[in-house]
N, C-alpha and C. Protein backbone atom coordinates (compact mmCIF):
# COMPACT_ATOMS: atom_id res chain seq x y z
N UNK A 1 0.85 -1.17 0.00
CA UNK A 1 0.00 0.00 0.00
C UNK A 1 0.90 1.24 0.00
N UNK A 2 0.64 2.16 -0.90
CA UNK A 2 1.46 3.36 -0.96
C UNK A 2 0.91 4.44 -0.04
N UNK A 3 1.79 5.33 0.31
CA UNK A 3 1.41 6.48 1.13
C UNK A 3 1.49 7.70 0.23
N UNK A 4 0.35 8.21 -0.19
CA UNK A 4 0.33 9.34 -1.12
C UNK A 4 1.04 10.57 -0.60
N UNK A 5 0.97 10.79 0.71
CA UNK A 5 1.62 11.96 1.29
C UNK A 5 3.14 11.85 1.12
N UNK A 6 3.69 10.70 1.45
CA UNK A 6 5.14 10.51 1.33
C UNK A 6 5.54 10.52 -0.14
N UNK A 7 4.74 9.89 -0.98
CA UNK A 7 5.00 9.87 -2.41
C UNK A 7 5.11 11.30 -2.94
N UNK A 8 4.23 12.16 -2.51
CA UNK A 8 4.23 13.55 -2.94
C UNK A 8 5.44 14.30 -2.39
N UNK A 9 5.74 14.09 -1.12
CA UNK A 9 6.89 14.77 -0.50
C UNK A 9 8.17 14.43 -1.25
N UNK A 10 8.33 13.17 -1.61
CA UNK A 10 9.56 12.73 -2.27
C UNK A 10 9.55 12.99 -3.78
N UNK A 11 8.54 13.69 -4.28
CA UNK A 11 8.45 14.08 -5.69
C UNK A 11 8.33 12.88 -6.61
N UNK A 12 7.71 11.80 -6.10
CA UNK A 12 7.48 10.63 -6.94
C UNK A 12 6.20 10.86 -7.75
N UNK A 13 5.16 11.38 -7.11
CA UNK A 13 3.90 11.60 -7.82
C UNK A 13 3.55 13.08 -7.97
N UNK A 14 4.21 13.96 -7.24
CA UNK A 14 4.00 15.40 -7.35
C UNK A 14 5.29 16.02 -7.90
N UNK A 15 5.16 17.07 -8.68
CA UNK A 15 6.37 17.71 -9.20
C UNK A 15 7.22 18.31 -8.08
N UNK A 16 8.55 18.19 -8.18
CA UNK A 16 9.40 18.83 -7.19
C UNK A 16 9.18 20.34 -7.19
N UNK A 17 9.10 20.90 -6.02
CA UNK A 17 8.90 22.34 -5.90
C UNK A 17 7.44 22.76 -6.01
N UNK A 18 6.54 21.80 -6.13
CA UNK A 18 5.11 22.15 -6.29
C UNK A 18 4.48 22.52 -4.96
N UNK A 19 3.36 23.21 -5.06
CA UNK A 19 2.59 23.54 -3.85
C UNK A 19 2.13 22.27 -3.15
N UNK A 20 1.76 21.26 -3.92
CA UNK A 20 1.29 20.00 -3.33
C UNK A 20 2.40 19.34 -2.50
N UNK A 21 3.62 19.37 -3.01
CA UNK A 21 4.75 18.80 -2.28
C UNK A 21 4.96 19.55 -0.96
N UNK A 22 4.98 20.85 -1.03
CA UNK A 22 5.18 21.67 0.16
C UNK A 22 4.07 21.44 1.19
N UNK A 23 2.83 21.40 0.74
CA UNK A 23 1.70 21.19 1.65
C UNK A 23 1.76 19.81 2.31
N UNK A 24 2.14 18.80 1.55
CA UNK A 24 2.24 17.45 2.11
C UNK A 24 3.33 17.39 3.18
N UNK A 25 4.45 18.04 2.92
CA UNK A 25 5.53 18.04 3.90
C UNK A 25 5.14 18.86 5.13
N UNK A 26 4.48 19.98 4.93
CA UNK A 26 4.00 20.77 6.07
C UNK A 26 3.07 19.93 6.94
N UNK A 27 2.17 19.21 6.31
CA UNK A 27 1.23 18.37 7.05
C UNK A 27 1.98 17.29 7.85
N UNK A 28 2.97 16.67 7.24
CA UNK A 28 3.74 15.62 7.92
C UNK A 28 4.51 16.21 9.11
N UNK A 29 5.12 17.37 8.94
CA UNK A 29 5.86 18.00 10.03
C UNK A 29 4.89 18.40 11.15
N UNK A 30 3.72 18.92 10.81
CA UNK A 30 2.73 19.30 11.82
C UNK A 30 2.28 18.08 12.62
N UNK A 31 2.12 16.94 11.95
CA UNK A 31 1.74 15.72 12.67
C UNK A 31 2.85 15.27 13.62
N UNK A 32 4.09 15.40 13.17
CA UNK A 32 5.23 14.97 13.99
C UNK A 32 5.52 15.94 15.12
N UNK A 33 5.24 17.21 14.91
CA UNK A 33 5.51 18.25 15.91
C UNK A 33 4.27 19.10 16.13
N UNK A 34 3.24 18.56 16.77
CA UNK A 34 1.97 19.27 16.90
C UNK A 34 2.04 20.58 17.68
N UNK A 35 3.06 20.76 18.48
CA UNK A 35 3.18 22.00 19.26
C UNK A 35 3.91 23.12 18.50
N UNK A 36 4.45 22.81 17.34
CA UNK A 36 5.19 23.82 16.57
C UNK A 36 4.22 24.83 15.97
N UNK A 37 4.63 26.07 15.95
CA UNK A 37 3.80 27.11 15.34
C UNK A 37 3.80 26.93 13.82
N UNK A 38 2.81 27.51 13.19
CA UNK A 38 2.73 27.45 11.73
C UNK A 38 3.98 28.07 11.10
N UNK A 39 4.44 29.16 11.66
CA UNK A 39 5.63 29.83 11.12
C UNK A 39 6.86 28.92 11.21
N UNK A 40 7.01 28.23 12.33
CA UNK A 40 8.15 27.32 12.48
C UNK A 40 8.06 26.14 11.52
N UNK A 41 6.86 25.62 11.33
CA UNK A 41 6.67 24.51 10.39
C UNK A 41 7.03 24.96 8.98
N UNK A 42 6.55 26.12 8.58
CA UNK A 42 6.85 26.63 7.24
C UNK A 42 8.34 26.87 7.05
N UNK A 43 9.01 27.41 8.08
CA UNK A 43 10.45 27.63 8.00
C UNK A 43 11.20 26.30 7.89
N UNK A 44 10.76 25.33 8.68
CA UNK A 44 11.37 24.00 8.65
C UNK A 44 11.23 23.38 7.26
N UNK A 45 10.04 23.43 6.71
CA UNK A 45 9.77 22.85 5.41
C UNK A 45 10.59 23.55 4.32
N UNK A 46 10.67 24.85 4.38
CA UNK A 46 11.48 25.58 3.40
C UNK A 46 12.93 25.13 3.44
N UNK A 47 13.45 24.97 4.63
CA UNK A 47 14.84 24.53 4.78
C UNK A 47 15.04 23.10 4.27
N UNK A 48 14.12 22.20 4.61
CA UNK A 48 14.23 20.82 4.14
C UNK A 48 14.22 20.77 2.62
N UNK A 49 13.25 21.45 2.01
CA UNK A 49 13.16 21.42 0.55
C UNK A 49 14.38 22.06 -0.11
N UNK A 50 14.88 23.14 0.47
CA UNK A 50 16.07 23.77 -0.08
C UNK A 50 17.29 22.86 0.05
N UNK A 51 17.49 22.32 1.23
CA UNK A 51 18.67 21.46 1.49
C UNK A 51 18.67 20.21 0.61
N UNK A 52 17.49 19.72 0.28
CA UNK A 52 17.39 18.48 -0.48
C UNK A 52 16.91 18.69 -1.91
N UNK A 53 17.01 19.91 -2.40
CA UNK A 53 16.68 20.20 -3.80
C UNK A 53 15.29 19.74 -4.20
N UNK A 54 14.32 19.93 -3.31
CA UNK A 54 12.94 19.51 -3.52
C UNK A 54 12.86 18.02 -3.88
N UNK A 55 13.88 17.25 -3.46
CA UNK A 55 13.92 15.80 -3.70
C UNK A 55 13.90 15.47 -5.19
N UNK A 56 14.45 16.36 -6.00
CA UNK A 56 14.48 16.15 -7.45
C UNK A 56 15.20 14.85 -7.82
N UNK A 57 16.24 14.51 -7.09
CA UNK A 57 17.00 13.31 -7.44
C UNK A 57 16.17 12.05 -7.24
N UNK A 58 15.23 12.06 -6.30
CA UNK A 58 14.37 10.90 -6.11
C UNK A 58 13.53 10.67 -7.37
N UNK A 59 12.94 11.72 -7.87
CA UNK A 59 12.12 11.62 -9.07
C UNK A 59 12.97 11.11 -10.25
N UNK A 60 14.16 11.62 -10.38
CA UNK A 60 15.06 11.21 -11.46
C UNK A 60 15.39 9.72 -11.37
N UNK A 61 15.68 9.25 -10.16
CA UNK A 61 16.02 7.84 -9.98
C UNK A 61 14.82 6.94 -10.26
N UNK A 62 13.65 7.33 -9.78
CA UNK A 62 12.45 6.54 -10.03
C UNK A 62 12.20 6.44 -11.53
N UNK A 63 12.32 7.53 -12.24
CA UNK A 63 12.12 7.51 -13.69
C UNK A 63 13.17 6.63 -14.37
N UNK A 64 14.40 6.74 -13.93
CA UNK A 64 15.48 5.96 -14.52
C UNK A 64 15.22 4.46 -14.42
N UNK A 65 14.75 4.03 -13.28
CA UNK A 65 14.58 2.60 -13.06
C UNK A 65 13.18 2.07 -13.34
N UNK A 66 12.18 2.92 -13.33
CA UNK A 66 10.81 2.43 -13.42
C UNK A 66 10.05 2.86 -14.66
N UNK A 67 10.59 3.75 -15.46
CA UNK A 67 9.88 4.16 -16.69
C UNK A 67 10.32 3.31 -17.86
């Protein structure tokens, strides 16, 4: 069974850098850290996506091996 939220975060089913990817990651961080403010969650997500290039390499690898 796939997890659509994780799939989107890792840019497997959602485009890297998309609003859907950002929203899915924000939702996951909010679930993991329910006491975090919205501003902190958004800052955290921005940093994660920047540091990991919106997970573009994951999408590239999936296409390489599965298309």
